[in-house]
Amino acid sequence: MTGKALQSLVVTRAGLQPNATNWPRTLHGGNWHAGSALNLLASVLFAGLWLTGLLIWTRRKLWMRSRLRAQST
């Protein structure tokens, strides 16, 4: 571990060498200065998309149910 960030190392003939940064893992783990804030923002955005999708689906189902009820009477 270097500072607060995790760093992977590769064993070579010359010794331990730092491996290339794995950005997806770094972003996912929140191991960089703004990672936690971006993870929170993404979580809130995805939760909002899920909730609005659920709302649209529910309204459509209720609208179709009331439309079918109106046609049968």
Protein backbone atom coordinates (compact mmCIF):
# COMPACT_ATOMS: atom_id res chain seq x y z
CA MET A 1 0.00 0.00 0.00
CA THR A 2 1.41 3.37 -0.98
CA GLY A 3 -0.15 6.14 1.05
CA LYS A 4 -3.88 5.46 0.95
CA ALA A 5 -3.98 3.83 -2.49
CA LEU A 6 -3.51 0.13 -3.11
CA GLN A 7 -0.80 -0.70 -5.59
CA SER A 8 -0.17 -4.05 -7.22
CA LEU A 9 3.36 -5.24 -7.86
CA VAL A 10 4.81 -7.64 -10.41
CA VAL A 11 7.78 -9.89 -9.67
CA THR A 12 10.46 -9.59 -12.36
CA ARG A 13 14.12 -10.59 -12.55
CA ALA A 14 14.99 -7.04 -11.55
CA GLY A 15 12.79 -7.29 -8.45
CA LEU A 16 9.37 -5.92 -7.64
CA GLN A 17 8.03 -3.50 -10.23
CA PRO A 18 4.82 -1.47 -9.89
CA ASN A 19 2.02 -2.77 -12.08
CA ALA A 20 -0.03 -0.51 -14.35
CA THR A 21 -2.94 1.17 -12.62
CA ASN A 22 -6.19 -0.77 -12.89
CA TRP A 23 -8.57 2.20 -13.24
CA PRO A 24 -11.84 0.24 -13.08
CA ARG A 25 -10.77 -1.38 -9.82
CA THR A 26 -9.50 1.94 -8.46
CA LEU A 27 -12.79 3.67 -9.30
CA HIS A 28 -14.90 0.82 -7.94
CA GLY A 29 -13.01 0.63 -4.68
CA GLY A 30 -12.99 4.37 -4.14
CA ASN A 31 -9.22 4.28 -3.61
CA TRP A 32 -8.50 7.70 -5.06
CA HIS A 33 -9.18 11.26 -3.96
CA ALA A 34 -12.67 11.65 -5.49
CA GLY A 35 -13.61 7.98 -5.76
CA SER A 36 -15.96 7.87 -2.81
CA ALA A 37 -17.82 10.97 -3.97
CA LEU A 38 -18.20 9.58 -7.50
CA ASN A 39 -19.37 6.22 -6.15
CA LEU A 40 -22.02 8.01 -4.08
CA LEU A 41 -23.10 10.13 -7.05
CA ALA A 42 -23.37 7.09 -9.32
CA SER A 43 -25.34 5.20 -6.66
CA VAL A 44 -27.81 8.06 -6.26
CA LEU A 45 -28.21 8.40 -10.04
CA PHE A 46 -28.79 4.67 -10.56
CA ALA A 47 -31.25 4.55 -7.65
CA GLY A 48 -33.09 7.51 -9.20
CA LEU A 49 -33.27 5.77 -12.56
CA TRP A 50 -34.59 2.63 -10.90
CA LEU A 51 -37.23 4.54 -8.95
CA THR A 52 -38.41 6.60 -11.92
CA GLY A 53 -38.60 3.45 -14.04
CA LEU A 54 -40.66 1.76 -11.35
CA LEU A 55 -42.94 4.80 -11.18
CA ILE A 56 -43.45 4.86 -14.96
CA TRP A 57 -44.15 1.11 -15.02
CA THR A 58 -46.66 1.37 -12.14
CA ARG A 59 -48.51 4.29 -13.73
CA ARG A 60 -48.69 2.41 -17.05
CA LYS A 61 -50.10 -0.70 -15.36
CA LEU A 62 -52.68 1.33 -13.43
CA TRP A 63 -53.63 3.26 -16.58
CA MET A 64 -54.12 0.04 -18.56
CA ARG A 65 -56.15 -1.50 -15.72
CA SER A 66 -58.48 1.53 -15.59
CA ARG A 67 -58.76 1.56 -19.39
CA LEU A 68 -59.75 -2.12 -19.45
CA ARG A 69 -62.28 -1.50 -16.66
CA ALA A 70 -63.80 1.39 -18.66
CA GLN A 71 -64.07 -0.73 -21.82
CA SER A 72 -65.84 -3.57 -20.02
CA THR A 73 -68.63 -1.36 -18.65
